[in-house]
C-alpha atoms as a PDB file:
ATOM      1  CA  MET A   1    -107.163  92.506 133.396  1.00  0.00           C
ATOM      2  CA  ARG A   2    -107.443  95.272 136.487  1.00  0.00           C
ATOM      3  CA  LYS A   3    -104.220  95.233 138.335  1.00  0.00           C
ATOM      4  CA  LEU A   4    -101.310  95.295 137.142  1.00  0.00           C
ATOM      5  CA  GLY A   5     -97.829  95.480 138.154  1.00  0.00           C
ATOM      6  CA  LEU A   6     -94.485  97.064 136.382  1.00  0.00           C
ATOM      7  CA  ILE A   7     -90.873  97.144 137.769  1.00  0.00           C
ATOM      8  CA  ALA A   8     -89.599 100.439 135.604  1.00  0.00           C
ATOM      9  CA  GLY A   9     -86.188 100.519 135.040  1.00  0.00           C
ATOM     10  CA  ASN A  10     -84.431 103.133 133.963  1.00  0.00           C
ATOM     11  CA  ARG A  11     -85.509 106.384 130.651  1.00  0.00           C
ATOM     12  CA  THR A  12     -88.929 106.823 129.373  1.00  0.00           C
ATOM     13  CA  PHE A  13     -89.529 104.052 128.570  1.00  0.00           C
ATOM     14  CA  PRO A  14     -91.825 103.124 131.681  1.00  0.00           C
ATOM     15  CA  LEU A  15     -93.646 106.673 131.143  1.00  0.00           C
ATOM     16  CA  LEU A  16     -94.963 105.881 127.879  1.00  0.00           C
ATOM     17  CA  PHE A  17     -95.973 102.180 129.002  1.00  0.00           C
ATOM     18  CA  SER A  18     -98.505 103.873 131.805  1.00  0.00           C
ATOM     19  CA  SER A  19    -100.006 106.578 129.792  1.00  0.00           C
ATOM     20  CA  SER A  20    -100.753 104.641 126.908  1.00  0.00           C
ATOM     21  CA  ALA A  21    -101.925 101.623 128.972  1.00  0.00           C
ATOM     22  CA  LYS A  22    -103.852 103.595 130.600  1.00  0.00           C
ATOM     23  CA  SER A  23    -105.712 105.467 127.759  1.00  0.00           C
ATOM     24  CA  LYS A  24    -106.820 102.269 126.997  1.00  0.00           C
ATOM     25  CA  ASN A  25    -107.964 100.975 129.409  1.00  0.00           C
ATOM     26  CA  SER A  26    -109.223 104.036 132.125  1.00  0.00           C
ATOM     27  CA  GLN A  27    -110.205 101.147 134.650  1.00  0.00           C
ATOM     28  CA  LEU A  28    -106.370  99.570 134.457  1.00  0.00           C
ATOM     29  CA  GLU A  29    -105.069  99.909 138.249  1.00  0.00           C
ATOM     30  CA  ILE A  30    -101.207 100.125 137.426  1.00  0.00           C
ATOM     31  CA  VAL A  31     -98.853  99.629 141.233  1.00  0.00           C
ATOM     32  CA  ALA A  32     -95.239 100.457 139.858  1.00  0.00           C
ATOM     33  CA  VAL A  33     -91.863  99.504 141.941  1.00  0.00           C
ATOM     34  CA  ALA A  34     -89.333 102.049 140.450  1.00  0.00           C
ATOM     35  CA  VAL A  35     -85.495 101.444 141.230  1.00  0.00           C
ATOM     36  CA  LYS A  36     -83.802 103.741 143.786  1.00  0.00           C
ATOM     37  CA  GLY A  37     -81.383 105.604 141.514  1.00  0.00           C
ATOM     38  CA  GLU A  38     -82.661 104.114 138.030  1.00  0.00           C
ATOM     39  CA  THR A  39     -86.285 105.235 137.693  1.00  0.00           C
ATOM     40  CA  ASP A  40     -87.749 108.582 136.434  1.00  0.00           C
ATOM     41  CA  LYS A  41     -89.370 109.624 139.135  1.00  0.00           C
ATOM     42  CA  ARG A  42     -92.451 111.419 136.927  1.00  0.00           C
ATOM     43  CA  LEU A  43     -93.217 107.887 136.556  1.00  0.00           C
ATOM     44  CA  ALA A  44     -95.348 108.392 140.295  1.00  0.00           C
ATOM     45  CA  LYS A  45     -97.911 110.912 137.999  1.00  0.00           C
ATOM     46  CA  PHE A  46     -98.947 107.696 135.411  1.00  0.00           C
ATOM     47  CA  VAL A  47     -98.982 105.376 138.145  1.00  0.00           C
ATOM     48  CA  ASP A  48    -101.556 104.810 140.575  1.00  0.00           C
ATOM     49  CA  LYS A  49     -99.603 103.507 143.348  1.00  0.00           C
ATOM     50  CA  ILE A  50     -95.466 103.328 143.496  1.00  0.00           C
ATOM     51  CA  PHE A  51     -93.058 101.612 145.820  1.00  0.00           C
ATOM     52  CA  TRP A  52     -88.834 102.394 145.232  1.00  0.00           C
ATOM     53  CA  VAL A  53     -86.719  99.845 146.351  1.00  0.00           C
ATOM     54  CA  ASP A  54     -82.899  98.752 146.150  1.00  0.00           C
ATOM     55  CA  ILE A  55     -80.768  97.311 143.389  1.00  0.00           C
ATOM     56  CA  GLY A  56     -81.201  94.089 144.349  1.00  0.00           C
ATOM     57  CA  LYS A  57     -84.056  93.344 147.293  1.00  0.00           C
ATOM     58  CA  LEU A  58     -85.656  91.241 144.466  1.00  0.00           C
ATOM     59  CA  ARG A  59     -87.602  89.608 148.051  1.00  0.00           C
ATOM     60  CA  GLU A  60     -89.283  92.664 148.242  1.00  0.00           C
ATOM     61  CA  VAL A  61     -90.476  93.552 145.021  1.00  0.00           C
ATOM     62  CA  LEU A  62     -91.909  89.807 145.110  1.00  0.00           C
ATOM     63  CA  ASN A  63     -94.163  90.733 148.612  1.00  0.00           C
ATOM     64  CA  ILE A  64     -94.816  93.889 147.054  1.00  0.00           C
ATOM     65  CA  PHE A  65     -97.209  92.436 144.204  1.00  0.00           C
ATOM     66  CA  LEU A  66     -98.102  89.613 145.797  1.00  0.00           C
ATOM     67  CA  GLU A  67     -99.745  91.712 148.807  1.00  0.00           C
ATOM     68  CA  GLU A  68    -101.591  94.251 146.071  1.00  0.00           C
ATOM     69  CA  LYS A  69    -102.852  91.046 144.438  1.00  0.00           C
ATOM     70  CA  VAL A  70    -101.554  92.157 140.958  1.00  0.00           C
ATOM     71  CA  ASP A  71    -103.426  90.125 137.219  1.00  0.00           C
ATOM     72  CA  LYS A  72    -100.307  91.021 135.344  1.00  0.00           C
ATOM     73  CA  ILE A  73     -96.529  91.910 135.196  1.00  0.00           C
ATOM     74  CA  VAL A  74     -94.562  93.949 132.801  1.00  0.00           C
ATOM     75  CA  LEU A  75     -90.995  94.964 133.123  1.00  0.00           C
ATOM     76  CA  ALA A  76     -89.803  98.300 131.472  1.00  0.00           C
ATOM     77  CA  GLY A  77     -86.373  99.942 131.104  1.00  0.00           C
ATOM     78  CA  GLN A  78     -83.422  98.991 131.476  1.00  0.00           C
ATOM     79  CA  ILE A  79     -81.548  98.358 134.548  1.00  0.00           C
ATOM     80  CA  SER A  80     -77.779  99.810 134.262  1.00  0.00           C
ATOM     81  CA  PRO A  81     -75.484  96.986 133.102  1.00  0.00           C
ATOM     82  CA  TYR A  82     -72.968  97.808 135.728  1.00  0.00           C
ATOM     83  CA  ARG A  83     -74.934  97.798 138.445  1.00  0.00           C
ATOM     84  CA  ILE A  84     -75.125  93.968 138.141  1.00  0.00           C
ATOM     85  CA  PHE A  85     -71.128  94.069 138.070  1.00  0.00           C
ATOM     86  CA  LYS A  86     -70.404  96.200 140.364  1.00  0.00           C
ATOM     87  CA  ASP A  87     -73.056  96.806 143.182  1.00  0.00           C
ATOM     88  CA  ARG A  88     -74.246  93.688 144.936  1.00  0.00           C
ATOM     89  CA  SER A  89     -73.040  94.738 148.443  1.00  0.00           C
ATOM     90  CA  ASN A  90     -76.474  94.894 149.411  1.00  0.00           C
ATOM     91  CA  TRP A  91     -78.293  91.794 147.469  1.00  0.00           C
ATOM     92  CA  ASP A  92     -80.877  90.148 149.613  1.00  0.00           C
ATOM     93  CA  GLU A  93     -81.142  85.966 149.689  1.00  0.00           C
ATOM     94  CA  LEU A  94     -83.300  85.870 146.738  1.00  0.00           C
ATOM     95  CA  MET A  95     -81.548  87.798 143.881  1.00  0.00           C
ATOM     96  CA  ASN A  96     -78.021  86.055 145.735  1.00  0.00           C
ATOM     97  CA  LYS A  97     -80.208  82.390 144.603  1.00  0.00           C
ATOM     98  CA  ILE A  98     -81.001  83.570 141.549  1.00  0.00           C
ATOM     99  CA  PHE A  99     -77.175  84.358 140.537  1.00  0.00           C
ATOM    100  CA  LYS A 100     -75.983  81.302 141.723  1.00  0.00           C
ATOM    101  CA  SER A 101     -78.481  79.578 139.621  1.00  0.00           C
ATOM    102  CA  ILE A 102     -77.268  80.760 136.461  1.00  0.00           C
ATOM    103  CA  SER A 103     -74.064  80.269 134.727  1.00  0.00           C
ATOM    104  CA  ASP A 104     -73.659  83.989 133.492  1.00  0.00           C
ATOM    105  CA  PHE A 105     -74.462  86.995 132.876  1.00  0.00           C
ATOM    106  CA  ARG A 106     -76.722  87.612 129.835  1.00  0.00           C
ATOM    107  CA  PRO A 107     -79.582  89.253 130.650  1.00  0.00           C
ATOM    108  CA  HIS A 108     -81.638  86.746 128.679  1.00  0.00           C
ATOM    109  CA  SER A 109     -80.567  84.143 131.331  1.00  0.00           C
ATOM    110  CA  ILE A 110     -81.332  85.961 133.895  1.00  0.00           C
ATOM    111  CA  PHE A 111     -84.179  87.719 133.533  1.00  0.00           C
ATOM    112  CA  SER A 112     -85.221  84.198 132.513  1.00  0.00           C
ATOM    113  CA  GLU A 113     -84.446  82.948 136.100  1.00  0.00           C
ATOM    114  CA  ILE A 114     -86.172  85.608 137.731  1.00  0.00           C
ATOM    115  CA  ILE A 115     -89.664  84.885 135.950  1.00  0.00           C
ATOM    116  CA  LYS A 116     -88.959  82.178 136.971  1.00  0.00           C
ATOM    117  CA  GLU A 117     -88.921  82.779 140.701  1.00  0.00           C
ATOM    118  CA  PHE A 118     -92.215  84.742 140.130  1.00  0.00           C
ATOM    119  CA  GLU A 119     -94.110  82.110 138.412  1.00  0.00           C
ATOM    120  CA  SER A 120     -93.095  79.831 140.871  1.00  0.00           C
ATOM    121  CA  GLN A 121     -95.281  81.715 143.863  1.00  0.00           C
ATOM    122  CA  GLY A 122     -98.571  82.314 140.950  1.00  0.00           C
ATOM    123  CA  LEU A 123     -96.945  85.565 139.066  1.00  0.00           C
ATOM    124  CA  SER A 124     -97.007  86.301 135.639  1.00  0.00           C
ATOM    125  CA  PHE A 125     -95.284  88.083 133.049  1.00  0.00           C
ATOM    126  CA  ILE A 126     -96.862  89.523 129.555  1.00  0.00           C
ATOM    127  CA  ASN A 127     -95.031  91.295 127.358  1.00  0.00           C
ATOM    128  CA  SER A 128     -93.606  94.694 126.796  1.00  0.00           C
ATOM    129  CA  THR A 129     -95.192  95.767 124.235  1.00  0.00           C
ATOM    130  CA  THR A 130     -98.391  95.216 125.778  1.00  0.00           C
ATOM    131  CA  PHE A 131    -100.896  98.788 124.374  1.00  0.00           C
ATOM    132  CA  LEU A 132     -97.317 100.358 122.667  1.00  0.00           C
ATOM    133  CA  GLU A 133     -98.614  98.850 119.163  1.00  0.00           C
ATOM    134  CA  GLU A 134     -98.320 101.986 117.595  1.00  0.00           C
ATOM    135  CA  HIS A 135     -94.787 103.167 118.756  1.00  0.00           C
ATOM    136  CA  LEU A 136     -93.216 100.048 117.601  1.00  0.00           C
ATOM    137  CA  ALA A 137     -91.226  99.856 114.584  1.00  0.00           C
ATOM    138  CA  LYS A 138     -93.152 100.274 110.950  1.00  0.00           C
ATOM    139  CA  GLU A 139     -92.277  97.764 108.299  1.00  0.00           C
ATOM    140  CA  GLY A 140     -90.188  99.747 105.257  1.00  0.00           C
ATOM    141  CA  LEU A 141     -89.585 103.380 105.659  1.00  0.00           C
ATOM    142  CA  ASN A 142     -90.427 104.772 108.862  1.00  0.00           C
ATOM    143  CA  ASN A 143     -90.092 108.390 108.199  1.00  0.00           C
ATOM    144  CA  ASN A 144     -90.235 110.707 105.213  1.00  0.00           C
ATOM    145  CA  LEU A 145     -86.889 109.689 103.009  1.00  0.00           C
ATOM    146  CA  ARG A 146     -85.531 107.540 100.498  1.00  0.00           C
ATOM    147  CA  ILE A 147     -83.364 104.946 100.417  1.00  0.00           C
ATOM    148  CA  GLU A 148     -80.445 105.110  97.503  1.00  0.00           C
ATOM    149  CA  ASP A 149     -79.642 101.815  95.209  1.00  0.00           C
ATOM    150  CA  SER A 150     -76.463 101.778  96.852  1.00  0.00           C
ATOM    151  CA  LEU A 151     -77.229 102.580 100.284  1.00  0.00           C
ATOM    152  CA  GLN A 152     -80.654  99.212  99.795  1.00  0.00           C
ATOM    153  CA  GLU A 153     -77.674  96.796  98.703  1.00  0.00           C
ATOM    154  CA  ASP A 154     -75.264  97.741 102.101  1.00  0.00           C
ATOM    155  CA  ILE A 155     -78.755  96.996 103.951  1.00  0.00           C
ATOM    156  CA  ALA A 156     -79.295  93.978 102.082  1.00  0.00           C
ATOM    157  CA  SER A 157     -75.261  93.351 103.193  1.00  0.00           C
ATOM    158  CA  ALA A 158     -75.654  94.659 106.969  1.00  0.00           C
ATOM    159  CA  VAL A 159     -78.794  93.489 107.723  1.00  0.00           C
ATOM    160  CA  GLU A 160     -77.958  89.084 106.660  1.00  0.00           C
ATOM    161  CA  LEU A 161     -74.383  89.214 108.404  1.00  0.00           C
ATOM    162  CA  ALA A 162     -76.007  91.271 111.900  1.00  0.00           C
ATOM    163  CA  ARG A 163     -79.166  88.296 111.956  1.00  0.00           C
ATOM    164  CA  LYS A 164     -76.162  85.738 112.360  1.00  0.00           C
ATOM    165  CA  ILE A 165     -74.633  87.837 115.525  1.00  0.00           C
ATOM    166  CA  VAL A 166     -77.599  89.191 116.838  1.00  0.00           C
ATOM    167  CA  ASP A 167     -79.343  85.041 117.527  1.00  0.00           C
ATOM    168  CA  LEU A 168     -75.878  84.176 118.688  1.00  0.00           C
ATOM    169  CA  ASP A 169     -77.102  86.650 121.448  1.00  0.00           C
ATOM    170  CA  ILE A 170     -73.745  88.695 121.206  1.00  0.00           C
ATOM    171  CA  GLY A 171     -75.272  92.082 121.185  1.00  0.00           C
ATOM    172  CA  GLN A 172     -78.296  93.346 118.954  1.00  0.00           C
ATOM    173  CA  THR A 173     -76.389  96.792 117.679  1.00  0.00           C
ATOM    174  CA  VAL A 174     -74.099  96.144 114.729  1.00  0.00           C
ATOM    175  CA  VAL A 175     -72.182  98.992 112.727  1.00  0.00           C
ATOM    176  CA  PHE A 176     -71.322  98.924 109.641  1.00  0.00           C
ATOM    177  CA  LYS A 177     -68.849 101.140 107.024  1.00  0.00           C
ATOM    178  CA  ASP A 178     -68.698 100.628 103.472  1.00  0.00           C
ATOM    179  CA  LYS A 179     -69.983  96.474 104.173  1.00  0.00           C
ATOM    180  CA  ALA A 180     -67.466  96.005 107.319  1.00  0.00           C
ATOM    181  CA  ILE A 181     -68.089  95.368 110.488  1.00  0.00           C
ATOM    182  CA  VAL A 182     -67.229  98.097 112.829  1.00  0.00           C
ATOM    183  CA  ALA A 183     -68.658  97.122 116.083  1.00  0.00           C
ATOM    184  CA  VAL A 184     -70.263  95.565 117.869  1.00  0.00           C
ATOM    185  CA  GLU A 185     -72.760  95.961 120.622  1.00  0.00           C
ATOM    186  CA  ALA A 186     -71.229  94.328 124.447  1.00  0.00           C
ATOM    187  CA  LEU A 187     -72.856  95.997 127.292  1.00  0.00           C
ATOM    188  CA  GLU A 188     -71.955  99.074 126.651  1.00  0.00           C
ATOM    189  CA  GLY A 189     -75.934  99.916 124.747  1.00  0.00           C
ATOM    190  CA  THR A 190     -76.259 101.727 121.617  1.00  0.00           C
ATOM    191  CA  ASP A 191     -75.538 104.984 122.347  1.00  0.00           C
ATOM    192  CA  ASN A 192     -72.146 103.355 123.905  1.00  0.00           C
ATOM    193  CA  THR A 193     -71.503 101.135 120.229  1.00  0.00           C
ATOM    194  CA  ILE A 194     -72.586 104.141 117.719  1.00  0.00           C
ATOM    195  CA  LYS A 195     -70.035 106.481 119.693  1.00  0.00           C
ATOM    196  CA  ARG A 196     -66.420 103.877 119.711  1.00  0.00           C
ATOM    197  CA  ALA A 197     -67.717 102.758 116.062  1.00  0.00           C
ATOM    198  CA  TYR A 198     -67.436 106.273 114.723  1.00  0.00           C
ATOM    199  CA  LYS A 199     -63.759 106.592 116.477  1.00  0.00           C
ATOM    200  CA  ILE A 200     -62.825 104.030 114.870  1.00  0.00           C
ATOM    201  CA  CYS A 201     -64.240 104.613 110.762  1.00  0.00           C
ATOM    202  CA  GLY A 202     -65.599 108.554 111.100  1.00  0.00           C
ATOM    203  CA  PRO A 203     -69.215 109.760 109.628  1.00  0.00           C
ATOM    204  CA  ASN A 204     -71.438 107.576 106.627  1.00  0.00           C
ATOM    205  CA  PHE A 205     -71.904 104.636 108.848  1.00  0.00           C
ATOM    206  CA  LEU A 206     -74.769 102.521 108.265  1.00  0.00           C
ATOM    207  CA  VAL A 207     -76.800 101.321 112.429  1.00  0.00           C
ATOM    208  CA  VAL A 208     -78.476  97.991 112.049  1.00  0.00           C
ATOM    209  CA  LYS A 209     -80.606  96.710 115.416  1.00  0.00           C
ATOM    210  CA  LEU A 210     -81.948  93.420 115.512  1.00  0.00           C
ATOM    211  CA  ALA A 211     -84.093  91.292 117.672  1.00  0.00           C
ATOM    212  CA  LYS A 212     -83.011  87.798 117.621  1.00  0.00           C
ATOM    213  CA  LYS A 213     -84.986  84.869 116.502  1.00  0.00           C
ATOM    214  CA  ASN A 214     -86.968  83.925 119.623  1.00  0.00           C
ATOM    215  CA  GLN A 215     -86.724  87.387 121.373  1.00  0.00           C
ATOM    216  CA  ASP A 216     -88.375  86.997 124.907  1.00  0.00           C
ATOM    217  CA  LEU A 217     -90.682  90.714 124.256  1.00  0.00           C
ATOM    218  CA  ARG A 218     -91.241  90.000 128.631  1.00  0.00           C
ATOM    219  CA  PHE A 219     -88.121  92.056 129.237  1.00  0.00           C
ATOM    220  CA  ASP A 220     -85.688  92.868 126.032  1.00  0.00           C
ATOM    221  CA  VAL A 221     -87.055  94.284 123.644  1.00  0.00           C
ATOM    222  CA  PRO A 222     -85.008  96.584 121.640  1.00  0.00           C
ATOM    223  CA  VAL A 223     -85.516 100.590 122.065  1.00  0.00           C
ATOM    224  CA  ILE A 224     -84.080 103.416 119.963  1.00  0.00           C
ATOM    225  CA  GLY A 225     -85.156 106.611 121.074  1.00  0.00           C
ATOM    226  CA  LEU A 226     -84.446 110.765 120.711  1.00  0.00           C
ATOM    227  CA  ASN A 227     -80.573 110.958 122.353  1.00  0.00           C
ATOM    228  CA  THR A 228     -79.977 107.941 119.665  1.00  0.00           C
ATOM    229  CA  ILE A 229     -81.281 109.994 116.822  1.00  0.00           C
ATOM    230  CA  LYS A 230     -79.433 113.041 118.235  1.00  0.00           C
ATOM    231  CA  LEU A 231     -75.814 110.775 118.843  1.00  0.00           C
ATOM    232  CA  LEU A 232     -76.726 109.995 114.794  1.00  0.00           C
ATOM    233  CA  LYS A 233     -77.695 113.506 113.708  1.00  0.00           C
ATOM    234  CA  LYS A 234     -73.488 114.500 115.441  1.00  0.00           C
ATOM    235  CA  LEU A 235     -72.283 112.034 114.188  1.00  0.00           C
ATOM    236  CA  LYS A 236     -73.241 111.956 110.109  1.00  0.00           C
ATOM    237  CA  ALA A 237     -75.023 108.169 109.848  1.00  0.00           C
ATOM    238  CA  LYS A 238     -76.643 107.196 107.248  1.00  0.00           C
ATOM    239  CA  ALA A 239     -78.919 105.478 107.552  1.00  0.00           C
ATOM    240  CA  LEU A 240     -80.733 103.446 110.591  1.00  0.00           C
ATOM    241  CA  VAL A 241     -82.291  99.619 110.335  1.00  0.00           C
ATOM    242  CA  ILE A 242     -84.211  98.470 113.268  1.00  0.00           C
ATOM    243  CA  GLU A 243     -86.627  95.343 113.372  1.00  0.00           C
ATOM    244  CA  LYS A 244     -90.132  95.757 112.618  1.00  0.00           C
ATOM    245  CA  GLY A 245     -93.201  94.871 114.975  1.00  0.00           C
ATOM    246  CA  LYS A 246     -90.587  94.277 117.934  1.00  0.00           C
ATOM    247  CA  THR A 247     -88.324  97.625 117.957  1.00  0.00           C
ATOM    248  CA  LEU A 248     -90.074 100.625 120.313  1.00  0.00           C
ATOM    249  CA  ILE A 249     -89.682 104.050 119.346  1.00  0.00           C
ATOM    250  CA  LEU A 250     -89.655 106.391 122.152  1.00  0.00           C
ATOM    251  CA  ASN A 251     -90.502 110.238 121.415  1.00  0.00           C
ATOM    252  CA  ARG A 252     -92.023 108.898 117.813  1.00  0.00           C
ATOM    253  CA  ASP A 253     -92.504 112.342 116.334  1.00  0.00           C
ATOM    254  CA  LYS A 254     -90.205 113.868 117.667  1.00  0.00           C
ATOM    255  CA  VAL A 255     -87.882 110.500 115.959  1.00  0.00           C
ATOM    256  CA  LEU A 256     -89.133 111.136 113.098  1.00  0.00           C
ATOM    257  CA  PHE A 257     -89.363 114.070 112.658  1.00  0.00           C
ATOM    258  CA  LEU A 258     -85.521 115.066 113.681  1.00  0.00           C
ATOM    259  CA  SER A 259     -83.891 111.561 111.292  1.00  0.00           C
ATOM    260  CA  GLU A 260     -85.343 113.762 108.291  1.00  0.00           C
ATOM    261  CA  GLU A 261     -83.898 116.793 108.865  1.00  0.00           C
ATOM    262  CA  ALA A 262     -80.679 115.129 109.565  1.00  0.00           C
ATOM    263  CA  ASN A 263     -81.134 113.183 106.434  1.00  0.00           C
ATOM    264  CA  ILE A 264     -80.876 109.482 108.082  1.00  0.00           C
ATOM    265  CA  PRO A 265     -83.342 106.719 107.038  1.00  0.00           C
ATOM    266  CA  ILE A 266     -85.015 104.444 109.405  1.00  0.00           C
ATOM    267  CA  LEU A 267     -86.537 101.516 108.058  1.00  0.00           C
ATOM    268  CA  GLY A 268     -88.252  98.885 109.516  1.00  0.00           C
ATOM    269  CA  VAL A 269     -87.329  94.764 108.514  1.00  0.00           C
END
């Protein structure tokens, strides 16, 4: 692979992916398509070419990659869900065609159909965690803390319930307190789910964030980062449980340091 296309969403995932890819393959040329109003402008420093497009201009994205003759494409970073529900006025004919062909607006349905359309033009997508193996959650404790037996029991019970919810594609994050489900993630994202849970149950809650049994890592990688850990510290969470080998930890060293400082175990299961 000599030329890689990157569809870049928000936050730091696209920056981490690009810098890691370059460090592991110095000959790799990255052609990025960035979304206006979403993608971090610093991405331009990490890629060889960058094209800025408006949300919903899918034909333009497709044409860029065809003209650039990329070998593969990767998706990195989220597109804010509200842009799908509230900002459709400028969508092009291809984007409208995609949405007319699906029966629901779940991310899996949307991105599966987009990938299918690109593949019909001879393009293909790779796993979004490619080049990022060292940034994925490891099995067991990821920081240097220990888990009390009582908390271990709560975690085992919570993970069993959370897996059933996650496999139904309701949400990746489930918040528990005293073995009760307090909040399940919808489209608002992990941090807003945690805030909602805190309003209901107060501190000392447990957060479980898992991948589906057949998670498609080409477009749906569970991610945690520094903002989530800062929030968990502020709201006095008990622990964070994440999926080993499938959850990306952004700013890994800082995340692990801050979680230790806040006495919040991060457990990979």
